Amino acid sequence: MKVQRRVRSRTGIAWIVVGAVLLAGVVFVNLAVLQLNLRLDSATQERSKLKAENAALQSQLSSALASPRIQELAHNQDGLIQADPSTIGYIDLGR
């Protein structure tokens, strides 16, 4: 009887150890997945930020390139000239 109890006791302890190792493995895998998700989220945010910055820079470039071209067309086709800044006035509507 004592031998059977010791064998059962050792078998039970072995199953507990195996279960603990498996649970620890599951926890480590979940932590690794969580870290990867955090890095992916960070990279996605950085990508969105860079896309927005790229769009803003493209808009600035487009505006910078369009202004001289429009001024040249206005001068050559319509004979318009740029106004003297000292002759420009503003009206305060007092709202």
C-alpha atoms as a PDB file:
ATOM      1  CA  MET A   1       0.000   0.000   0.000  1.00  0.00           C
ATOM      2  CA  LYS A   2       2.722   2.465   0.923  1.00  0.00           C
ATOM      3  CA  VAL A   3       4.463   1.883  -2.410  1.00  0.00           C
ATOM      4  CA  GLN A   4       1.244   2.592  -4.339  1.00  0.00           C
ATOM      5  CA  ARG A   5       0.685   5.809  -2.375  1.00  0.00           C
ATOM      6  CA  ARG A   6       4.227   6.980  -3.101  1.00  0.00           C
ATOM      7  CA  VAL A   7       3.822   6.155  -6.803  1.00  0.00           C
ATOM      8  CA  ARG A   8       0.462   8.006  -6.914  1.00  0.00           C
ATOM      9  CA  SER A   9       1.960  10.897  -5.008  1.00  0.00           C
ATOM     10  CA  ARG A  10       4.928  11.133  -7.380  1.00  0.00           C
ATOM     11  CA  THR A  11       2.662  10.779 -10.421  1.00  0.00           C
ATOM     12  CA  GLY A  12       0.421  13.538  -9.092  1.00  0.00           C
ATOM     13  CA  ILE A  13       3.397  15.807  -8.469  1.00  0.00           C
ATOM     14  CA  ALA A  14       4.734  15.059 -11.963  1.00  0.00           C
ATOM     15  CA  TRP A  15       1.376  16.054 -13.518  1.00  0.00           C
ATOM     16  CA  ILE A  16       1.326  19.248 -11.483  1.00  0.00           C
ATOM     17  CA  VAL A  17       4.850  20.108 -12.692  1.00  0.00           C
ATOM     18  CA  VAL A  18       3.912  19.326 -16.311  1.00  0.00           C
ATOM     19  CA  GLY A  19       0.790  21.485 -16.014  1.00  0.00           C
ATOM     20  CA  ALA A  20       2.776  24.344 -14.462  1.00  0.00           C
ATOM     21  CA  VAL A  21       5.362  24.198 -17.258  1.00  0.00           C
ATOM     22  CA  LEU A  22       2.621  24.232 -19.901  1.00  0.00           C
ATOM     23  CA  LEU A  23       0.881  27.177 -18.240  1.00  0.00           C
ATOM     24  CA  ALA A  24       4.170  29.053 -17.998  1.00  0.00           C
ATOM     25  CA  GLY A  25       4.702  28.417 -21.719  1.00  0.00           C
ATOM     26  CA  VAL A  26       1.261  29.801 -22.511  1.00  0.00           C
ATOM     27  CA  VAL A  27       1.979  32.917 -20.431  1.00  0.00           C
ATOM     28  CA  PHE A  28       5.313  33.507 -22.186  1.00  0.00           C
ATOM     29  CA  VAL A  29       3.722  33.072 -25.623  1.00  0.00           C
ATOM     30  CA  ASN A  30       0.969  35.536 -24.695  1.00  0.00           C
ATOM     31  CA  LEU A  31       3.552  38.057 -23.490  1.00  0.00           C
ATOM     32  CA  ALA A  32       5.487  37.709 -26.741  1.00  0.00           C
ATOM     33  CA  VAL A  33       2.307  38.268 -28.767  1.00  0.00           C
ATOM     34  CA  LEU A  34       1.450  41.307 -26.647  1.00  0.00           C
ATOM     35  CA  GLN A  35       4.896  42.821 -27.221  1.00  0.00           C
ATOM     36  CA  LEU A  36       4.600  42.237 -30.966  1.00  0.00           C
ATOM     37  CA  ASN A  37       1.170  43.872 -30.994  1.00  0.00           C
ATOM     38  CA  LEU A  38       2.532  46.896 -29.138  1.00  0.00           C
ATOM     39  CA  ARG A  39       5.389  47.242 -31.621  1.00  0.00           C
ATOM     40  CA  LEU A  40       2.969  46.847 -34.526  1.00  0.00           C
ATOM     41  CA  ASP A  41       0.682  49.533 -33.082  1.00  0.00           C
ATOM     42  CA  SER A  42       3.625  51.875 -32.623  1.00  0.00           C
ATOM     43  CA  ALA A  43       4.796  51.269 -36.191  1.00  0.00           C
ATOM     44  CA  THR A  44       1.260  51.849 -37.497  1.00  0.00           C
ATOM     45  CA  GLN A  45       1.013  55.150 -35.634  1.00  0.00           C
ATOM     46  CA  GLU A  46       4.417  56.218 -36.964  1.00  0.00           C
ATOM     47  CA  ARG A  47       3.337  55.270 -40.484  1.00  0.00           C
ATOM     48  CA  SER A  48       0.141  57.330 -40.180  1.00  0.00           C
ATOM     49  CA  LYS A  49       2.112  60.281 -38.841  1.00  0.00           C
ATOM     50  CA  LEU A  50       4.593  60.051 -41.707  1.00  0.00           C
ATOM     51  CA  LYS A  51       1.795  59.813 -44.279  1.00  0.00           C
ATOM     52  CA  ALA A  52       0.158  62.952 -42.859  1.00  0.00           C
ATOM     53  CA  GLU A  53       3.495  64.777 -42.842  1.00  0.00           C
ATOM     54  CA  ASN A  54       4.182  63.653 -46.402  1.00  0.00           C
ATOM     55  CA  ALA A  55       0.774  64.931 -47.537  1.00  0.00           C
ATOM     56  CA  ALA A  56       1.381  68.301 -45.860  1.00  0.00           C
ATOM     57  CA  LEU A  57       4.810  68.606 -47.481  1.00  0.00           C
ATOM     58  CA  GLN A  58       3.366  67.662 -50.870  1.00  0.00           C
ATOM     59  CA  SER A  59       0.708  70.342 -50.455  1.00  0.00           C
ATOM     60  CA  GLN A  60       3.333  72.940 -49.535  1.00  0.00           C
ATOM     61  CA  LEU A  61       5.449  71.970 -52.524  1.00  0.00           C
ATOM     62  CA  SER A  62       2.468  72.151 -54.842  1.00  0.00           C
ATOM     63  CA  SER A  63       1.544  75.592 -53.526  1.00  0.00           C
ATOM     64  CA  ALA A  64       5.121  76.827 -53.808  1.00  0.00           C
ATOM     65  CA  LEU A  65       5.392  75.624 -57.382  1.00  0.00           C
ATOM     66  CA  ALA A  66       1.971  76.926 -58.434  1.00  0.00           C
ATOM     67  CA  SER A  67       2.323  80.504 -57.176  1.00  0.00           C
ATOM     68  CA  PRO A  68       5.226  81.595 -59.422  1.00  0.00           C
ATOM     69  CA  ARG A  69       3.650  79.844 -62.405  1.00  0.00           C
ATOM     70  CA  ILE A  70       0.321  81.585 -61.848  1.00  0.00           C
ATOM     71  CA  GLN A  71       2.074  84.935 -61.406  1.00  0.00           C
ATOM     72  CA  GLU A  72       3.959  84.405 -64.661  1.00  0.00           C
ATOM     73  CA  LEU A  73       0.781  83.484 -66.538  1.00  0.00           C
ATOM     74  CA  ALA A  74      -1.037  86.510 -65.109  1.00  0.00           C
ATOM     75  CA  HIS A  75       1.800  88.807 -66.182  1.00  0.00           C
ATOM     76  CA  ASN A  76       2.351  87.310 -69.647  1.00  0.00           C
ATOM     77  CA  GLN A  77      -1.260  86.664 -70.697  1.00  0.00           C
ATOM     78  CA  ASP A  78      -3.155  89.442 -68.967  1.00  0.00           C
ATOM     79  CA  GLY A  79      -0.447  92.030 -68.393  1.00  0.00           C
ATOM     80  CA  LEU A  80      -1.025  92.014 -64.646  1.00  0.00           C
ATOM     81  CA  ILE A  81       1.692  93.092 -62.245  1.00  0.00           C
ATOM     82  CA  GLN A  82       2.106  92.424 -58.557  1.00  0.00           C
ATOM     83  CA  ALA A  83       0.709  95.153 -56.326  1.00  0.00           C
ATOM     84  CA  ASP A  84       3.036  97.307 -54.277  1.00  0.00           C
ATOM     85  CA  PRO A  85       2.684  96.155 -50.622  1.00  0.00           C
ATOM     86  CA  SER A  86       2.602  99.764 -49.427  1.00  0.00           C
ATOM     87  CA  THR A  87      -0.600 100.424 -51.394  1.00  0.00           C
ATOM     88  CA  ILE A  88      -2.529  97.582 -49.784  1.00  0.00           C
ATOM     89  CA  GLY A  89      -4.961  98.522 -47.017  1.00  0.00           C
ATOM     90  CA  TYR A  90      -7.334  96.547 -44.833  1.00  0.00           C
ATOM     91  CA  ILE A  91     -10.773  97.442 -43.536  1.00  0.00           C
ATOM     92  CA  ASP A  92     -11.767  96.511 -39.988  1.00  0.00           C
ATOM     93  CA  LEU A  93     -15.433  95.531 -40.061  1.00  0.00           C
ATOM     94  CA  GLY A  94     -15.658  95.860 -36.297  1.00  0.00           C
ATOM     95  CA  ARG A  95     -17.654  92.699 -35.691  1.00  0.00           C
END
